[in-house]
Each structure stands twice: as structure tokens, then as C-alpha cells.
Amino acid sequence: MTRFQRLAAATVAAAFLLVVIGVVVRATDSGLACPNWPGCFPGQFLPSLDSDGHVWIEWLHRTVAAVIGFLILGLAVVAWLDHRDRRSLLWPSFAAVLLVGFQAWLGGRTVQLGNTGESVTAHLAAAMALVGLLVYLLVRSSYPARLGGSGNQRFTLLAAFSAAAVFGVLLFGANVTAQGAGLIFPDWPLMNGSLVPSPAGLLPPGVDGFVDSSGLWTHALHRYAAAVVLVIVASTAWFARRNRSAQPRLARLAAAVLVTYLVQVVVGGLQVLLLLAPWTQTLHVALGALVWGGSVALAVSAYYEARIAAPAGGHAEEAAAGPRPSMGEQIRAYVALTKPRIIELLLVTTVPAMVLATREVPGLPMVDWVRLTFWTLVCGTLAAGSANA
């Protein structure tokens, strides 16, 4: 391994450690144990030995974050010294420096705002974005600087969509935590014995609070989104397995992501059944970070594996000399003309926008709302596809 790869691997490991410690901070309510930032107390680097355990947890969180800042700065320096001619490593390394700086600033604002739900969600989103960028740097550094043609990137698109879906469900989960809606339903996987949420009137024994429609749907949408993402991740693993003879590494990585996701779903259920025990919260987010990092690694690896497998001359000469395209190939060409990758961005943002427009699912029966959403997505796809073509 080159020194850039070793440093990138260490930085990725430290970033995952920081995510875990951050969840411990949240689960133990230690975020405000240190009233000052970046130091815990004025004029002190180390808390006193008789300080409360919450103080030491938050101090460890900030210290690991500072270490990661220096690691990422070193990563950018090594990229400049060793890989100045590789823009695919150089500029993302510089972007990581900017992102970790933003993350540090956001952490300070989170403390100043008293760990509000919005600031905590934004802090987690920035942390996951940083993890994804670091995983990209690690994977990219393992491939040659110069690659051949573009290759067939259909699986790459599926893997990238799967990674985006995982990131989305992580944000749904962060929103559940931010709103304190983790224990609105005392059962799992059903919600008060039903697939459609409805107030039960009581929270689990020992849990204070009340049930409102916003919290109900926040929690329910997280479960629905998790189920949809499970289908996407499983489909990605299935397609990778179909092609395992040609690309066994991708098949193994996709299978590992699927298994980790399944374990995370089970741990998510245990969170409810065990009344948000700290270890379940920590393990749930830690596994989520692993699923996200593995999904990013899968998408990046799929892209570069396709480029390695492609002939250096690309596909233009092959298309000119090849046989007449089949009906399926012609249909795929017409579909490509609609630019489906752009339409995906529209569809991913449509449903959350419909929900956020009223701060909850619109006041319709569930069947009517699903019908409205379905036809909105279908018509939006057709309108965007015709405009793109």
C-alpha cells in the first residue's frame, strides 16, 4: 500500500469511530456536558479527573474530531506531494479539508443551539457526507491512475442509486431522533398492531410524552423508507450476484452490505422493544454508517471495475462494426434518450417535498395518498422524460 492509501484507511477508520462516539454522546445526553467550544471549560484542555462521565464522553468526541481534522489535512498534503497529476484524488482531498472544517463549525453551532433537532440532523448528514468522501478516496486510490474506456455502467447506476437511498433513510432516522419520536409505537415491526400508524393514546411504560400526528408520521415514514431501501439494497446484491463470475469482488461487497443492512433493521426493532437502550442506539447508527460506507464503496468500485474491463478504444468502433441492434437494445436507447439519471433526482425529491409541504402526510386516507403519490411520480417521470428528450 502507498502512504496515501494507508493514511486514507486510517482516516476512514477514525471517521467511523467518530460516528460511533457521536451516537454515544447523543444516547447518553452528553452533548451539553461541555458548555464551551472547542474546549470543554475555559483555560482547560483536559477536564479534571473528578469530572462527570458525560464530560469525558463529550471531550473524547471533540478530541477524536480534532485528530480526524489533522488526518484529513495530512491526506491533502500527501495527495499534493504524491498524486498531483491525479485530479480524481487531489481535488476530492482538498474538498475533504473544506468539509471537515464545515463539520467542525457545525458542531460548534450544534452546541451553541443547545443540540436542537435540526442542528443534530444537519451534523449527522455532514458527518455521513464526509465518511462517503473518505471512502471514495480510499477506493479510488486502489485503482490505476490511467484507465481504459468507459465500460458498461448500468450496475454502477443501480449501486449509486442504492447508496443515495441509504443516505436518505439515514436522514429519516436522524429526523426521528431529532423529534424524539423513537418510542411513539411500543411494538415492531407493526405500529400499534397495524401497518398504518394511528395514535394508541399511551406510550410505552416509563416513557414520558404525548402522541401527535407529526411524530406518528415521522416514525412511520422512517419504517416505510427502511423497507423500500431494503428492497433496493437486496436488488443491488441480486444483480451483483448474477455477474459474480466476472466481478466476484462486487458480488461479495454487495452481499456484505445487504447482510449488514438486515442486522441493522433487527437492531432498529430492538431499539423500540428495549426502550431506546443506549447500546441499541449506538449499534444502530454504527451499522448504518457501515451500510452507507459499503454502499459508496460498491458504487465507486463498480464504476472503476467497468472501466478496467472496457477496451481502451471505447465502444464507438464496436458499435459501427457490430450487428444490427436488437429490439431490447433499441428500447434501452430510447429510454436513455429520456436521461433517466436526471429523472431519478426528480423522483427522489418529489415525495419528501410532498410530505414537507404540510409538515406531515397530507390529510387524506392512506390509500388515497398512495394513489396521489403514485400518479404524481408517473406523470412527473413522463413530463421530465419528454422534456429531456
Protein backbone atom coordinates (compact mmCIF):
# COMPACT_ATOMS: atom_id res chain seq x y z
CA MET A 1 0.00 0.00 0.00
CA THR A 2 1.15 3.54 -0.72
CA ARG A 3 1.35 6.06 2.09
CA PHE A 4 -1.74 7.80 0.70
CA GLN A 5 -3.70 4.53 0.92
CA ARG A 6 -2.50 3.85 4.47
CA LEU A 7 -3.42 7.36 5.57
CA ALA A 8 -6.80 7.15 3.81
CA ALA A 9 -7.56 3.81 5.52
CA ALA A 10 -6.65 5.26 8.93
CA THR A 11 -8.81 8.31 8.29
CA VAL A 12 -11.82 6.20 7.26
CA ALA A 13 -11.46 4.07 10.40
CA ALA A 14 -11.23 7.19 12.57
CA ALA A 15 -14.30 8.68 10.87
CA PHE A 16 -16.35 5.58 11.66
CA LEU A 17 -15.10 5.73 15.26
CA LEU A 18 -16.18 9.36 15.48
CA VAL A 19 -19.69 8.49 14.25
CA VAL A 20 -19.98 5.83 16.96
CA ILE A 21 -18.77 8.20 19.68
CA GLY A 22 -21.18 10.83 18.41
CA VAL A 23 -24.08 8.43 18.88
CA VAL A 24 -22.86 7.60 22.40
CA VAL A 25 -22.89 11.34 23.11
CA ARG A 26 -26.47 11.54 21.87
CA ALA A 27 -27.67 8.37 23.62
CA THR A 28 -26.18 9.42 26.98
CA ASP A 29 -27.28 13.05 26.60
CA SER A 30 -23.69 14.26 26.96
CA GLY A 31 -23.77 16.87 24.20
CA LEU A 32 -24.10 19.82 26.59
CA ALA A 33 -21.77 18.45 29.27
CA CYS A 34 -19.06 20.78 27.95
CA PRO A 35 -20.51 24.31 27.89
CA ASN A 36 -17.63 25.81 25.89
CA TRP A 37 -16.33 25.03 22.42
CA PRO A 38 -13.84 23.83 21.20
CA GLY A 39 -12.55 23.28 24.76
CA CYS A 40 -14.82 21.95 27.46
CA PHE A 41 -14.03 24.64 30.03
CA PRO A 42 -12.20 27.98 29.75
CA GLY A 43 -8.45 27.60 30.08
CA GLN A 44 -8.54 23.80 30.30
CA PHE A 45 -7.56 21.25 27.68
CA LEU A 46 -8.23 18.22 29.86
CA PRO A 47 -11.24 18.02 32.16
CA SER A 48 -10.45 17.49 35.82
CA LEU A 49 -10.21 13.88 37.00
CA ASP A 50 -13.30 14.25 39.15
CA SER A 51 -15.39 15.46 36.20
CA ASP A 52 -18.65 13.73 35.39
CA GLY A 53 -18.54 10.82 32.90
CA HIS A 54 -20.64 12.85 30.45
CA VAL A 55 -17.89 15.47 30.31
CA TRP A 56 -15.29 12.87 29.37
CA ILE A 57 -17.54 11.38 26.68
CA GLU A 58 -18.04 14.77 25.04
CA TRP A 59 -14.33 15.63 25.42
CA LEU A 60 -13.39 12.33 23.70
CA HIS A 61 -15.85 13.15 20.91
CA ARG A 62 -14.23 16.53 20.29
CA THR A 63 -10.70 15.17 20.58
CA VAL A 64 -11.26 12.42 18.01
CA ALA A 65 -12.85 15.02 15.73
CA ALA A 66 -9.72 17.18 16.04
CA VAL A 67 -7.48 14.18 15.25
CA ILE A 68 -9.55 13.47 12.13
CA GLY A 69 -9.11 17.09 11.09
CA PHE A 70 -5.34 16.69 11.18
CA LEU A 71 -5.52 13.33 9.36
CA ILE A 72 -7.57 14.85 6.55
CA LEU A 73 -5.20 17.79 6.33
CA GLY A 74 -2.34 15.30 6.05
CA LEU A 75 -4.26 13.42 3.37
CA ALA A 76 -4.49 16.59 1.29
CA VAL A 77 -0.76 17.25 1.73
CA VAL A 78 0.17 13.70 0.67
CA ALA A 79 -2.17 13.96 -2.31
CA TRP A 80 -0.37 17.16 -3.36
CA LEU A 81 3.08 15.62 -2.90
CA ASP A 82 2.46 12.16 -4.40
CA HIS A 83 -0.55 12.47 -6.70
CA ARG A 84 -0.51 15.99 -8.03
CA ASP A 85 -1.22 14.64 -11.52
CA ARG A 86 -4.31 12.67 -10.38
CA ARG A 87 -7.18 15.13 -10.17
CA SER A 88 -9.54 12.35 -9.08
CA LEU A 89 -7.54 12.18 -5.81
CA LEU A 90 -6.20 15.71 -5.47
CA TRP A 91 -9.39 17.78 -5.64
CA PRO A 92 -11.53 15.44 -3.51
CA SER A 93 -8.77 15.55 -0.86
CA PHE A 94 -8.99 19.34 -0.82
CA ALA A 95 -12.79 19.08 -0.69
CA ALA A 96 -12.47 16.83 2.38
CA VAL A 97 -10.49 19.58 4.15
CA LEU A 98 -13.28 22.07 3.45
CA LEU A 99 -15.94 19.59 4.52
CA VAL A 100 -14.25 18.73 7.82
CA GLY A 101 -13.90 22.45 8.51
CA PHE A 102 -17.61 22.90 7.88
CA GLN A 103 -18.34 19.90 10.09
CA ALA A 104 -16.30 21.44 12.92
CA TRP A 105 -18.17 24.74 12.56
CA LEU A 106 -21.48 22.88 12.50
CA GLY A 107 -20.50 21.02 15.67
CA GLY A 108 -19.86 24.34 17.39
CA ARG A 109 -23.22 25.68 16.25
CA THR A 110 -24.92 22.49 17.50
CA VAL A 111 -23.55 23.15 21.00
CA GLN A 112 -24.49 26.84 20.85
CA LEU A 113 -28.04 25.98 19.77
CA GLY A 114 -28.46 23.51 22.61
CA ASN A 115 -28.47 20.34 20.47
CA THR A 116 -31.69 21.22 18.65
CA GLY A 117 -33.16 18.55 16.41
CA GLU A 118 -32.39 20.40 13.19
CA SER A 119 -28.75 21.04 14.12
CA VAL A 120 -28.20 17.42 15.18
CA THR A 121 -29.69 16.14 11.91
CA ALA A 122 -27.53 18.52 9.87
CA HIS A 123 -24.46 17.49 11.89
CA LEU A 124 -25.10 13.80 11.16
CA ALA A 125 -25.73 14.49 7.46
CA ALA A 126 -22.40 16.34 7.16
CA ALA A 127 -20.63 13.54 9.02
CA MET A 128 -22.02 10.90 6.65
CA ALA A 129 -21.10 13.02 3.64
CA LEU A 130 -17.54 13.21 4.98
CA VAL A 131 -17.46 9.42 5.51
CA GLY A 132 -18.64 8.91 1.93
CA LEU A 133 -15.97 11.22 0.54
CA LEU A 134 -13.22 9.49 2.54
CA VAL A 135 -14.42 6.05 1.38
CA TYR A 136 -14.29 7.31 -2.22
CA LEU A 137 -10.67 8.43 -1.75
CA LEU A 138 -9.70 5.07 -0.27
CA VAL A 139 -11.35 3.06 -3.06
CA ARG A 140 -10.12 5.33 -5.87
CA SER A 141 -6.53 5.13 -4.64
CA SER A 142 -6.62 1.33 -5.08
CA TYR A 143 -7.18 1.62 -8.85
CA PRO A 144 -4.65 2.66 -11.51
CA ALA A 145 -4.28 6.33 -12.33
CA ARG A 146 -4.96 5.73 -16.03
CA LEU A 147 -7.92 3.60 -17.08
CA GLY A 148 -9.36 2.37 -20.36
CA GLY A 149 -12.78 3.02 -21.87
CA SER A 150 -16.00 3.95 -20.12
CA GLY A 151 -17.41 0.42 -19.92
CA ASN A 152 -20.99 -0.62 -19.19
CA GLN A 153 -22.10 1.43 -16.19
CA ARG A 154 -25.63 0.08 -15.71
CA PHE A 155 -24.74 -1.66 -12.45
CA THR A 156 -22.90 1.47 -11.33
CA LEU A 157 -26.13 3.44 -11.69
CA LEU A 158 -28.00 0.88 -9.59
CA ALA A 159 -25.28 0.88 -6.92
CA ALA A 160 -25.21 4.69 -6.84
CA PHE A 161 -29.00 4.83 -6.51
CA SER A 162 -28.79 2.30 -3.68
CA ALA A 163 -26.18 4.44 -1.90
CA ALA A 164 -28.36 7.54 -2.29
CA ALA A 165 -31.33 5.63 -0.87
CA VAL A 166 -29.28 4.51 2.14
CA PHE A 167 -28.22 8.11 2.77
CA GLY A 168 -31.86 9.18 2.60
CA VAL A 169 -33.04 6.61 5.14
CA LEU A 170 -30.24 7.67 7.48
CA LEU A 171 -31.62 11.21 7.39
CA PHE A 172 -35.14 9.88 8.02
CA GLY A 173 -33.78 8.12 11.11
CA ALA A 174 -31.94 11.23 12.28
CA ASN A 175 -35.20 13.16 11.99
CA VAL A 176 -36.96 10.56 14.18
CA THR A 177 -34.32 11.07 16.86
CA ALA A 178 -34.42 14.84 16.47
CA GLN A 179 -38.18 14.91 17.08
CA GLY A 180 -37.99 12.47 19.98
CA ALA A 181 -40.32 10.12 18.10
CA GLY A 182 -38.37 6.91 18.61
CA LEU A 183 -40.85 5.40 21.08
CA ILE A 184 -44.16 6.60 19.71
CA PHE A 185 -45.04 2.99 18.89
CA PRO A 186 -44.43 0.31 21.53
CA ASP A 187 -44.35 -2.56 19.02
CA TRP A 188 -42.26 -3.56 16.00
CA PRO A 189 -42.48 -4.15 13.06
CA LEU A 190 -46.16 -3.16 13.28
CA MET A 191 -47.30 0.22 14.61
CA ASN A 192 -49.89 -0.23 17.35
CA GLY A 193 -50.72 -3.54 15.72
CA SER A 194 -51.23 -2.04 12.25
CA LEU A 195 -49.24 -1.21 9.13
CA VAL A 196 -50.78 2.27 9.11
CA PRO A 197 -49.95 4.48 12.11
CA SER A 198 -52.69 5.52 14.47
CA PRO A 199 -52.49 7.01 17.98
CA ALA A 200 -52.63 4.44 20.73
CA GLY A 201 -53.16 7.05 23.44
CA LEU A 202 -50.27 5.75 25.53
CA LEU A 203 -46.52 5.47 25.11
CA PRO A 204 -44.59 2.51 26.47
CA PRO A 205 -44.38 2.32 30.29
CA GLY A 206 -41.76 4.63 31.74
CA VAL A 207 -41.68 6.95 28.70
CA ASP A 208 -42.94 10.50 29.10
CA GLY A 209 -44.51 12.50 26.28
CA PHE A 210 -47.56 12.61 24.08
CA VAL A 211 -48.60 11.33 20.67
CA ASP A 212 -49.10 13.83 17.86
CA SER A 213 -49.70 13.29 14.18
CA SER A 214 -46.36 14.79 13.15
CA GLY A 215 -44.37 12.38 15.33
CA LEU A 216 -46.51 9.45 14.23
CA TRP A 217 -45.79 10.03 10.57
CA THR A 218 -42.13 10.89 11.15
CA HIS A 219 -41.60 7.48 12.74
CA ALA A 220 -43.85 5.66 10.27
CA LEU A 221 -42.12 7.17 7.23
CA HIS A 222 -38.77 6.05 8.59
CA ARG A 223 -40.04 2.47 8.77
CA TYR A 224 -41.59 2.67 5.30
CA ALA A 225 -38.40 4.17 3.86
CA ALA A 226 -36.30 1.45 5.54
CA ALA A 227 -38.48 -1.23 3.90
CA VAL A 228 -38.16 0.38 0.46
CA VAL A 229 -34.39 0.73 0.84
CA LEU A 230 -34.18 -2.93 1.87
CA VAL A 231 -35.73 -3.88 -1.47
CA ILE A 232 -33.26 -1.61 -3.31
CA VAL A 233 -30.23 -3.00 -1.45
CA ALA A 234 -31.42 -6.58 -1.98
CA SER A 235 -31.95 -5.93 -5.70
CA THR A 236 -28.44 -4.50 -5.95
CA ALA A 237 -27.00 -7.59 -4.25
CA TRP A 238 -29.02 -9.85 -6.55
CA PHE A 239 -27.75 -8.15 -9.71
CA ALA A 240 -24.19 -8.27 -8.39
CA ARG A 241 -24.57 -11.99 -7.68
CA ARG A 242 -25.78 -12.62 -11.24
CA ASN A 243 -22.48 -11.26 -12.50
CA ARG A 244 -20.29 -12.74 -9.76
CA SER A 245 -18.22 -14.83 -12.17
CA ALA A 246 -16.95 -11.70 -13.92
CA GLN A 247 -16.76 -9.42 -10.86
CA PRO A 248 -16.61 -11.51 -7.66
CA ARG A 249 -15.38 -8.57 -5.55
CA LEU A 250 -18.51 -6.57 -6.29
CA ALA A 251 -20.74 -9.56 -5.50
CA ARG A 252 -19.07 -10.10 -2.12
CA LEU A 253 -19.25 -6.41 -1.23
CA ALA A 254 -22.92 -6.14 -2.23
CA ALA A 255 -23.75 -9.24 -0.16
CA ALA A 256 -21.91 -7.79 2.85
CA VAL A 257 -23.88 -4.54 2.54
CA LEU A 258 -27.16 -6.48 2.41
CA VAL A 259 -26.32 -8.61 5.45
CA THR A 260 -25.25 -5.54 7.44
CA TYR A 261 -28.45 -3.76 6.48
CA LEU A 262 -30.56 -6.72 7.65
CA VAL A 263 -28.75 -6.75 11.01
CA GLN A 264 -29.30 -3.00 11.30
CA VAL A 265 -33.05 -3.47 10.72
CA VAL A 266 -33.19 -6.01 13.54
CA VAL A 267 -31.26 -3.69 15.86
CA GLY A 268 -33.67 -0.90 14.91
CA GLY A 269 -36.52 -3.10 16.12
CA LEU A 270 -34.65 -3.82 19.35
CA GLN A 271 -34.41 -0.07 19.94
CA VAL A 272 -38.20 0.05 20.24
CA LEU A 273 -38.58 -3.16 22.22
CA LEU A 274 -35.78 -2.20 24.66
CA LEU A 275 -36.99 1.42 25.06
CA LEU A 276 -34.03 3.03 23.29
CA ALA A 277 -31.31 1.35 25.32
CA PRO A 278 -28.07 3.28 24.67
CA TRP A 279 -26.28 0.27 23.20
CA THR A 280 -29.07 -0.28 20.65
CA GLN A 281 -28.91 3.37 19.52
CA THR A 282 -25.13 3.21 19.20
CA LEU A 283 -25.12 -0.08 17.30
CA HIS A 284 -27.98 1.02 15.03
CA VAL A 285 -26.20 4.15 13.80
CA ALA A 286 -22.82 2.39 13.66
CA LEU A 287 -24.29 -0.28 11.38
CA GLY A 288 -25.99 2.46 9.36
CA ALA A 289 -22.62 4.14 8.85
CA LEU A 290 -21.14 0.80 7.73
CA VAL A 291 -24.00 0.26 5.28
CA TRP A 292 -23.52 3.78 3.91
CA GLY A 293 -19.75 3.39 3.60
CA GLY A 294 -20.14 -0.03 1.98
CA SER A 295 -22.71 1.32 -0.47
CA VAL A 296 -20.39 4.15 -1.50
CA ALA A 297 -17.50 1.70 -1.87
CA LEU A 298 -19.69 -0.55 -4.01
CA ALA A 299 -20.76 2.28 -6.34
CA VAL A 300 -17.21 3.61 -6.75
CA SER A 301 -15.76 0.12 -7.24
CA ALA A 302 -18.45 -0.73 -9.82
CA TYR A 303 -17.56 2.39 -11.81
CA TYR A 304 -13.84 1.67 -11.92
CA GLU A 305 -14.26 -2.08 -12.41
CA ALA A 306 -16.33 -1.32 -15.52
CA ARG A 307 -13.65 1.00 -16.81
CA ILE A 308 -10.94 -1.60 -16.26
CA ALA A 309 -13.00 -4.26 -18.06
CA ALA A 310 -13.74 -1.97 -21.04
CA PRO A 311 -11.41 -1.95 -24.06
CA ALA A 312 -9.12 1.05 -24.26
CA GLY A 313 -10.64 2.25 -27.51
CA GLY A 314 -14.15 2.57 -26.08
CA HIS A 315 -17.31 1.40 -27.81
CA ALA A 316 -17.67 3.69 -30.83
CA GLU A 317 -15.73 1.46 -33.22
CA GLU A 318 -17.50 -1.67 -31.93
CA ALA A 319 -20.92 -0.10 -32.47
CA ALA A 320 -20.05 0.89 -36.01
CA ALA A 321 -18.83 -2.57 -36.98
CA GLY A 322 -21.27 -4.62 -34.90
CA PRO A 323 -24.54 -6.27 -35.95
CA ARG A 324 -27.91 -4.57 -36.14
CA PRO A 325 -29.12 -3.72 -32.61
CA SER A 326 -31.84 -5.92 -31.16
CA MET A 327 -35.27 -4.68 -30.14
CA GLY A 328 -34.20 -4.61 -26.49
CA GLU A 329 -31.15 -2.53 -27.33
CA GLN A 330 -33.29 -0.11 -29.30
CA ILE A 331 -35.74 0.25 -26.40
CA ARG A 332 -32.86 0.87 -23.99
CA ALA A 333 -31.53 3.52 -26.36
CA TYR A 334 -34.88 5.32 -26.36
CA VAL A 335 -35.02 5.09 -22.56
CA ALA A 336 -31.51 6.54 -22.37
CA LEU A 337 -32.71 9.43 -24.54
CA THR A 338 -35.02 10.49 -21.69
CA LYS A 339 -31.97 10.79 -19.39
CA PRO A 340 -33.27 8.58 -16.56
CA ARG A 341 -30.38 9.55 -14.26
CA ILE A 342 -31.73 13.10 -14.19
CA ILE A 343 -35.28 11.87 -13.63
CA GLU A 344 -34.07 9.89 -10.59
CA LEU A 345 -33.13 13.16 -8.92
CA LEU A 346 -36.65 14.46 -9.53
CA LEU A 347 -38.29 11.36 -8.10
CA VAL A 348 -36.03 11.19 -5.03
CA THR A 349 -37.02 14.75 -4.06
CA THR A 350 -40.71 14.60 -5.01
CA VAL A 351 -42.14 12.53 -2.13
CA PRO A 352 -40.22 14.30 0.67
CA ALA A 353 -41.35 17.62 -0.81
CA MET A 354 -44.97 16.45 -0.76
CA VAL A 355 -44.60 15.44 2.88
CA LEU A 356 -42.73 18.56 4.00
CA ALA A 357 -45.19 20.87 2.25
CA THR A 358 -47.65 20.27 5.10
CA ARG A 359 -45.15 19.12 7.75
CA GLU A 360 -46.90 15.75 7.64
CA VAL A 361 -48.55 13.39 5.19
CA PRO A 362 -51.47 15.31 3.63
CA GLY A 363 -54.81 14.87 5.35
CA LEU A 364 -56.02 12.04 3.13
CA PRO A 365 -56.78 8.39 3.73
CA MET A 366 -53.63 6.34 3.27
CA VAL A 367 -54.89 4.63 0.11
CA ASP A 368 -55.75 7.99 -1.49
CA TRP A 369 -52.38 9.44 -0.54
CA VAL A 370 -50.52 6.45 -2.04
CA ARG A 371 -52.60 6.78 -5.23
CA LEU A 372 -51.87 10.52 -5.44
CA THR A 373 -48.16 9.93 -4.87
CA PHE A 374 -48.01 7.12 -7.46
CA TRP A 375 -49.60 9.18 -10.23
CA THR A 376 -47.51 12.21 -9.32
CA LEU A 377 -44.34 10.13 -9.79
CA VAL A 378 -45.60 8.56 -13.04
CA CYS A 379 -46.65 11.87 -14.58
CA GLY A 380 -43.51 13.60 -13.35
CA THR A 381 -41.40 10.86 -14.98
CA LEU A 382 -43.21 11.22 -18.32
CA ALA A 383 -43.06 15.02 -18.29
CA ALA A 384 -39.37 15.11 -17.37
CA GLY A 385 -38.52 12.36 -19.88
CA SER A 386 -40.21 14.19 -22.75
CA ALA A 387 -38.51 17.46 -21.81
CA ASN A 388 -35.10 15.76 -21.61
CA ALA A 389 -35.57 14.07 -24.99
